[in-house]
Amino acid sequence: MAEWLRETSGAVSLTVHVQPGAKRSGIAGVHGDALRIRVAAPAVEGRANEALVALLAGRLGLPRSAIELKAGLASRRKQILVHGAAVDAVRRVLADPALG
């Protein structure tokens, strides 16, 4: 299993490295043991976090409420819990380079 993806009780845990202020939002591969995600929103007043949640929810076909920022609110490195999705489905959707 990918280092950035873990199954926990009742949720899927993601470790992500967020790059705010990017030219366009998308998944940009792996950064060490984290999934690198670029968001066009700036890291001001939580806008990058909101854009990250919206991007993940959209890609996974889940409501925003299913994506929980567990740690790293003010950091580029974040721990995210995805509720209501299977670990295999999350891996398949987020690891596909064609979706970036």
N, C-alpha and C. Protein backbone atom coordinates (compact mmCIF):
# COMPACT_ATOMS: atom_id res chain seq x y z
N MET A 1 0.85 -1.18 0.00
CA MET A 1 0.00 0.00 0.00
C MET A 1 0.89 1.24 0.00
N ALA A 2 0.43 2.29 -0.60
CA ALA A 2 1.18 3.55 -0.66
C ALA A 2 1.40 4.10 0.75
N GLU A 3 2.56 4.72 0.96
CA GLU A 3 2.89 5.27 2.28
C GLU A 3 1.93 6.39 2.69
N TRP A 4 1.37 7.10 1.75
CA TRP A 4 0.51 8.24 2.04
C TRP A 4 -0.94 7.84 2.34
N LEU A 5 -1.23 6.56 2.24
CA LEU A 5 -2.59 6.07 2.35
C LEU A 5 -2.67 4.95 3.38
N ARG A 6 -3.57 5.09 4.36
CA ARG A 6 -3.74 4.08 5.39
C ARG A 6 -5.23 3.90 5.69
N GLU A 7 -5.57 2.69 6.03
CA GLU A 7 -6.94 2.42 6.44
C GLU A 7 -7.00 2.49 7.96
N THR A 8 -7.93 3.26 8.49
CA THR A 8 -8.13 3.36 9.93
C THR A 8 -9.54 2.87 10.24
N SER A 9 -9.88 2.84 11.48
CA SER A 9 -11.22 2.36 11.83
C SER A 9 -12.29 3.33 11.33
N GLY A 10 -13.03 2.91 10.34
CA GLY A 10 -14.14 3.70 9.84
C GLY A 10 -13.78 4.81 8.86
N ALA A 11 -12.50 4.93 8.49
CA ALA A 11 -12.10 6.01 7.57
C ALA A 11 -10.81 5.62 6.85
N VAL A 12 -10.46 6.42 5.87
CA VAL A 12 -9.20 6.29 5.17
C VAL A 12 -8.36 7.50 5.53
N SER A 13 -7.12 7.28 5.93
CA SER A 13 -6.23 8.36 6.33
C SER A 13 -5.26 8.68 5.20
N LEU A 14 -5.14 9.96 4.88
CA LEU A 14 -4.22 10.43 3.84
C LEU A 14 -3.19 11.37 4.45
N THR A 15 -1.96 11.26 4.01
CA THR A 15 -0.94 12.26 4.32
C THR A 15 -0.71 13.01 3.03
N VAL A 16 -0.92 14.32 3.06
CA VAL A 16 -0.76 15.12 1.85
C VAL A 16 0.22 16.27 2.07
N HIS A 17 0.88 16.66 1.00
CA HIS A 17 1.74 17.84 0.98
C HIS A 17 1.06 18.80 0.02
N VAL A 18 0.59 19.92 0.56
CA VAL A 18 -0.20 20.87 -0.23
C VAL A 18 0.69 22.00 -0.72
N GLN A 19 0.52 22.34 -1.98
CA GLN A 19 1.24 23.45 -2.60
C GLN A 19 0.21 24.52 -2.96
N PRO A 20 0.01 25.51 -2.07
CA PRO A 20 -0.98 26.56 -2.36
C PRO A 20 -0.47 27.56 -3.38
N GLY A 21 -1.38 28.28 -3.99
CA GLY A 21 -1.03 29.32 -4.95
C GLY A 21 -0.51 28.78 -6.27
N ALA A 22 -0.85 27.54 -6.60
CA ALA A 22 -0.40 26.93 -7.85
C ALA A 22 -1.17 27.53 -9.04
N LYS A 23 -0.62 27.33 -10.21
CA LYS A 23 -1.28 27.83 -11.42
C LYS A 23 -2.65 27.18 -11.60
N ARG A 24 -2.73 25.88 -11.29
CA ARG A 24 -4.01 25.18 -11.34
C ARG A 24 -4.02 24.07 -10.30
N SER A 25 -5.19 23.71 -9.87
CA SER A 25 -5.34 22.68 -8.84
C SER A 25 -5.28 21.29 -9.45
N GLY A 26 -4.71 20.36 -8.69
CA GLY A 26 -4.66 18.98 -9.14
C GLY A 26 -3.70 18.15 -8.31
N ILE A 27 -3.72 16.87 -8.56
CA ILE A 27 -2.84 15.94 -7.88
C ILE A 27 -1.55 15.88 -8.67
N ALA A 28 -0.43 16.04 -7.97
CA ALA A 28 0.87 16.18 -8.65
C ALA A 28 1.83 15.05 -8.32
N GLY A 29 1.34 13.91 -7.88
CA GLY A 29 2.22 12.78 -7.62
C GLY A 29 2.54 12.62 -6.15
N VAL A 30 3.69 12.03 -5.87
CA VAL A 30 4.09 11.73 -4.51
C VAL A 30 5.27 12.60 -4.12
N HIS A 31 5.26 13.08 -2.88
CA HIS A 31 6.33 13.91 -2.32
C HIS A 31 6.80 13.20 -1.05
N GLY A 32 7.87 12.40 -1.16
CA GLY A 32 8.32 11.61 -0.03
C GLY A 32 7.26 10.59 0.35
N ASP A 33 6.75 10.67 1.56
CA ASP A 33 5.71 9.74 2.01
C ASP A 33 4.33 10.40 2.01
N ALA A 34 4.17 11.44 1.20
CA ALA A 34 2.89 12.16 1.14
C ALA A 34 2.45 12.32 -0.32
N LEU A 35 1.15 12.43 -0.51
CA LEU A 35 0.59 12.72 -1.82
C LEU A 35 0.66 14.23 -2.03
N ARG A 36 1.29 14.67 -3.11
CA ARG A 36 1.40 16.11 -3.38
C ARG A 36 0.16 16.58 -4.13
N ILE A 37 -0.46 17.63 -3.58
CA ILE A 37 -1.65 18.21 -4.19
C ILE A 37 -1.44 19.70 -4.34
N ARG A 38 -1.65 20.20 -5.54
CA ARG A 38 -1.55 21.64 -5.81
C ARG A 38 -2.95 22.24 -5.77
N VAL A 39 -3.06 23.40 -5.13
CA VAL A 39 -4.33 24.13 -5.14
C VAL A 39 -4.06 25.56 -5.59
N ALA A 40 -4.96 26.08 -6.39
CA ALA A 40 -4.78 27.43 -6.92
C ALA A 40 -5.03 28.50 -5.86
N ALA A 41 -5.77 28.17 -4.84
CA ALA A 41 -6.10 29.14 -3.79
C ALA A 41 -4.86 29.48 -2.96
N PRO A 42 -4.77 30.72 -2.51
CA PRO A 42 -3.63 31.11 -1.66
C PRO A 42 -3.81 30.59 -0.23
N ALA A 43 -2.70 30.52 0.48
CA ALA A 43 -2.73 30.07 1.88
C ALA A 43 -3.07 31.24 2.79
N VAL A 44 -4.24 31.81 2.58
CA VAL A 44 -4.70 32.97 3.34
C VAL A 44 -6.10 32.67 3.86
N GLU A 45 -6.30 32.87 5.16
CA GLU A 45 -7.62 32.72 5.78
C GLU A 45 -8.29 31.38 5.48
N GLY A 46 -7.52 30.32 5.40
CA GLY A 46 -8.07 28.99 5.21
C GLY A 46 -8.52 28.66 3.80
N ARG A 47 -8.24 29.54 2.85
CA ARG A 47 -8.72 29.30 1.48
C ARG A 47 -8.09 28.07 0.85
N ALA A 48 -6.79 27.85 1.10
CA ALA A 48 -6.12 26.67 0.54
C ALA A 48 -6.71 25.39 1.13
N ASN A 49 -7.01 25.39 2.42
CA ASN A 49 -7.63 24.23 3.05
C ASN A 49 -9.01 23.95 2.46
N GLU A 50 -9.79 25.00 2.26
CA GLU A 50 -11.12 24.84 1.65
C GLU A 50 -11.00 24.28 0.23
N ALA A 51 -10.03 24.77 -0.53
CA ALA A 51 -9.82 24.29 -1.89
C ALA A 51 -9.38 22.82 -1.89
N LEU A 52 -8.55 22.45 -0.93
CA LEU A 52 -8.11 21.06 -0.80
C LEU A 52 -9.28 20.14 -0.52
N VAL A 53 -10.12 20.51 0.43
CA VAL A 53 -11.29 19.70 0.76
C VAL A 53 -12.22 19.58 -0.45
N ALA A 54 -12.45 20.68 -1.14
CA ALA A 54 -13.32 20.66 -2.32
C ALA A 54 -12.74 19.77 -3.42
N LEU A 55 -11.43 19.85 -3.63
CA LEU A 55 -10.78 19.04 -4.66
C LEU A 55 -10.91 17.55 -4.34
N LEU A 56 -10.59 17.17 -3.10
CA LEU A 56 -10.68 15.77 -2.71
C LEU A 56 -12.11 15.26 -2.77
N ALA A 57 -13.05 16.04 -2.27
CA ALA A 57 -14.46 15.63 -2.31
C ALA A 57 -14.94 15.44 -3.74
N GLY A 58 -14.56 16.36 -4.61
CA GLY A 58 -14.96 16.26 -6.02
C GLY A 58 -14.37 15.04 -6.70
N ARG A 59 -13.09 14.80 -6.49
CA ARG A 59 -12.44 13.65 -7.12
C ARG A 59 -13.01 12.33 -6.62
N LEU A 60 -13.33 12.28 -5.33
CA LEU A 60 -13.81 11.03 -4.73
C LEU A 60 -15.32 10.87 -4.83
N GLY A 61 -16.01 11.91 -5.31
CA GLY A 61 -17.47 11.83 -5.43
C GLY A 61 -18.17 11.78 -4.09
N LEU A 62 -17.61 12.49 -3.12
CA LEU A 62 -18.16 12.52 -1.77
C LEU A 62 -18.55 13.94 -1.40
N PRO A 63 -19.44 14.11 -0.41
CA PRO A 63 -19.72 15.47 0.07
C PRO A 63 -18.52 16.01 0.82
N ARG A 64 -18.40 17.31 0.88
CA ARG A 64 -17.28 17.94 1.60
C ARG A 64 -17.24 17.51 3.06
N SER A 65 -18.38 17.23 3.63
CA SER A 65 -18.43 16.83 5.04
C SER A 65 -17.75 15.48 5.28
N ALA A 66 -17.49 14.70 4.23
CA ALA A 66 -16.82 13.42 4.36
C ALA A 66 -15.30 13.56 4.45
N ILE A 67 -14.79 14.76 4.18
CA ILE A 67 -13.35 15.03 4.21
C ILE A 67 -13.05 15.84 5.47
N GLU A 68 -12.21 15.29 6.33
CA GLU A 68 -11.89 15.92 7.62
C GLU A 68 -10.39 16.22 7.70
N LEU A 69 -10.04 17.49 7.89
CA LEU A 69 -8.65 17.86 8.13
C LEU A 69 -8.34 17.56 9.59
N LYS A 70 -7.57 16.52 9.82
CA LYS A 70 -7.30 16.06 11.17
C LYS A 70 -6.10 16.78 11.79
N ALA A 71 -5.09 17.11 11.00
CA ALA A 71 -3.89 17.78 11.52
C ALA A 71 -3.24 18.58 10.40
N GLY A 72 -2.55 19.65 10.79
CA GLY A 72 -1.81 20.45 9.82
C GLY A 72 -2.59 21.60 9.21
N LEU A 73 -3.51 22.18 9.94
CA LEU A 73 -4.32 23.28 9.39
C LEU A 73 -3.46 24.43 8.87
N ALA A 74 -2.35 24.72 9.53
CA ALA A 74 -1.50 25.85 9.12
C ALA A 74 -0.19 25.37 8.51
N SER A 75 -0.15 24.14 8.07
CA SER A 75 1.07 23.55 7.53
C SER A 75 0.82 23.03 6.12
N ARG A 76 1.89 22.87 5.35
CA ARG A 76 1.74 22.26 4.03
C ARG A 76 1.46 20.77 4.15
N ARG A 77 1.99 20.15 5.18
CA ARG A 77 1.79 18.72 5.41
C ARG A 77 0.55 18.54 6.27
N LYS A 78 -0.40 17.75 5.77
CA LYS A 78 -1.68 17.60 6.44
C LYS A 78 -2.07 16.14 6.56
N GLN A 79 -2.81 15.83 7.61
CA GLN A 79 -3.42 14.52 7.78
C GLN A 79 -4.91 14.69 7.53
N ILE A 80 -5.43 13.87 6.66
CA ILE A 80 -6.83 13.97 6.26
C ILE A 80 -7.51 12.63 6.47
N LEU A 81 -8.73 12.67 6.99
CA LEU A 81 -9.55 11.48 7.10
C LEU A 81 -10.67 11.58 6.07
N VAL A 82 -10.86 10.50 5.33
CA VAL A 82 -11.93 10.40 4.35
C VAL A 82 -12.93 9.39 4.88
N HIS A 83 -14.13 9.85 5.15
CA HIS A 83 -15.19 9.00 5.69
C HIS A 83 -16.10 8.53 4.54
N GLY A 84 -16.52 7.29 4.61
CA GLY A 84 -17.49 6.78 3.64
C GLY A 84 -16.90 6.34 2.32
N ALA A 85 -15.62 5.99 2.31
CA ALA A 85 -14.99 5.52 1.08
C ALA A 85 -14.08 4.34 1.40
N ALA A 86 -13.96 3.43 0.47
CA ALA A 86 -13.08 2.27 0.64
C ALA A 86 -11.65 2.67 0.26
N VAL A 87 -10.69 2.09 0.95
CA VAL A 87 -9.29 2.42 0.72
C VAL A 87 -8.88 2.13 -0.72
N ASP A 88 -9.38 1.05 -1.30
CA ASP A 88 -9.03 0.72 -2.69
C ASP A 88 -9.56 1.76 -3.67
N ALA A 89 -10.77 2.25 -3.42
CA ALA A 89 -11.35 3.27 -4.29
C ALA A 89 -10.57 4.58 -4.18
N VAL A 90 -10.18 4.96 -2.97
CA VAL A 90 -9.40 6.18 -2.78
C VAL A 90 -8.07 6.07 -3.50
N ARG A 91 -7.39 4.94 -3.34
CA ARG A 91 -6.10 4.74 -4.00
C ARG A 91 -6.25 4.81 -5.51
N ARG A 92 -7.25 4.14 -6.03
CA ARG A 92 -7.45 4.10 -7.48
C ARG A 92 -7.71 5.51 -8.04
N VAL A 93 -8.56 6.28 -7.39
CA VAL A 93 -8.90 7.62 -7.88
C VAL A 93 -7.75 8.60 -7.72
N LEU A 94 -7.10 8.62 -6.56
CA LEU A 94 -6.08 9.63 -6.31
C LEU A 94 -4.72 9.29 -6.89
N ALA A 95 -4.42 8.02 -7.11
CA ALA A 95 -3.12 7.65 -7.64
C ALA A 95 -3.09 7.64 -9.17
N ASP A 96 -4.22 7.85 -9.82
CA ASP A 96 -4.28 7.84 -11.28
C ASP A 96 -3.72 9.14 -11.83
N PRO A 97 -2.56 9.10 -12.52
CA PRO A 97 -1.95 10.34 -13.03
C PRO A 97 -2.82 11.07 -14.06
N ALA A 98 -3.72 10.37 -14.71
CA ALA A 98 -4.59 11.02 -15.69
C ALA A 98 -5.57 11.98 -15.04
N LEU A 99 -5.78 11.84 -13.73
CA LEU A 99 -6.72 12.71 -13.03
C LEU A 99 -6.06 13.99 -12.54
N GLY A 100 -4.74 14.06 -12.55
CA GLY A 100 -4.02 15.20 -11.99
C GLY A 100 -4.42 16.48 -12.61
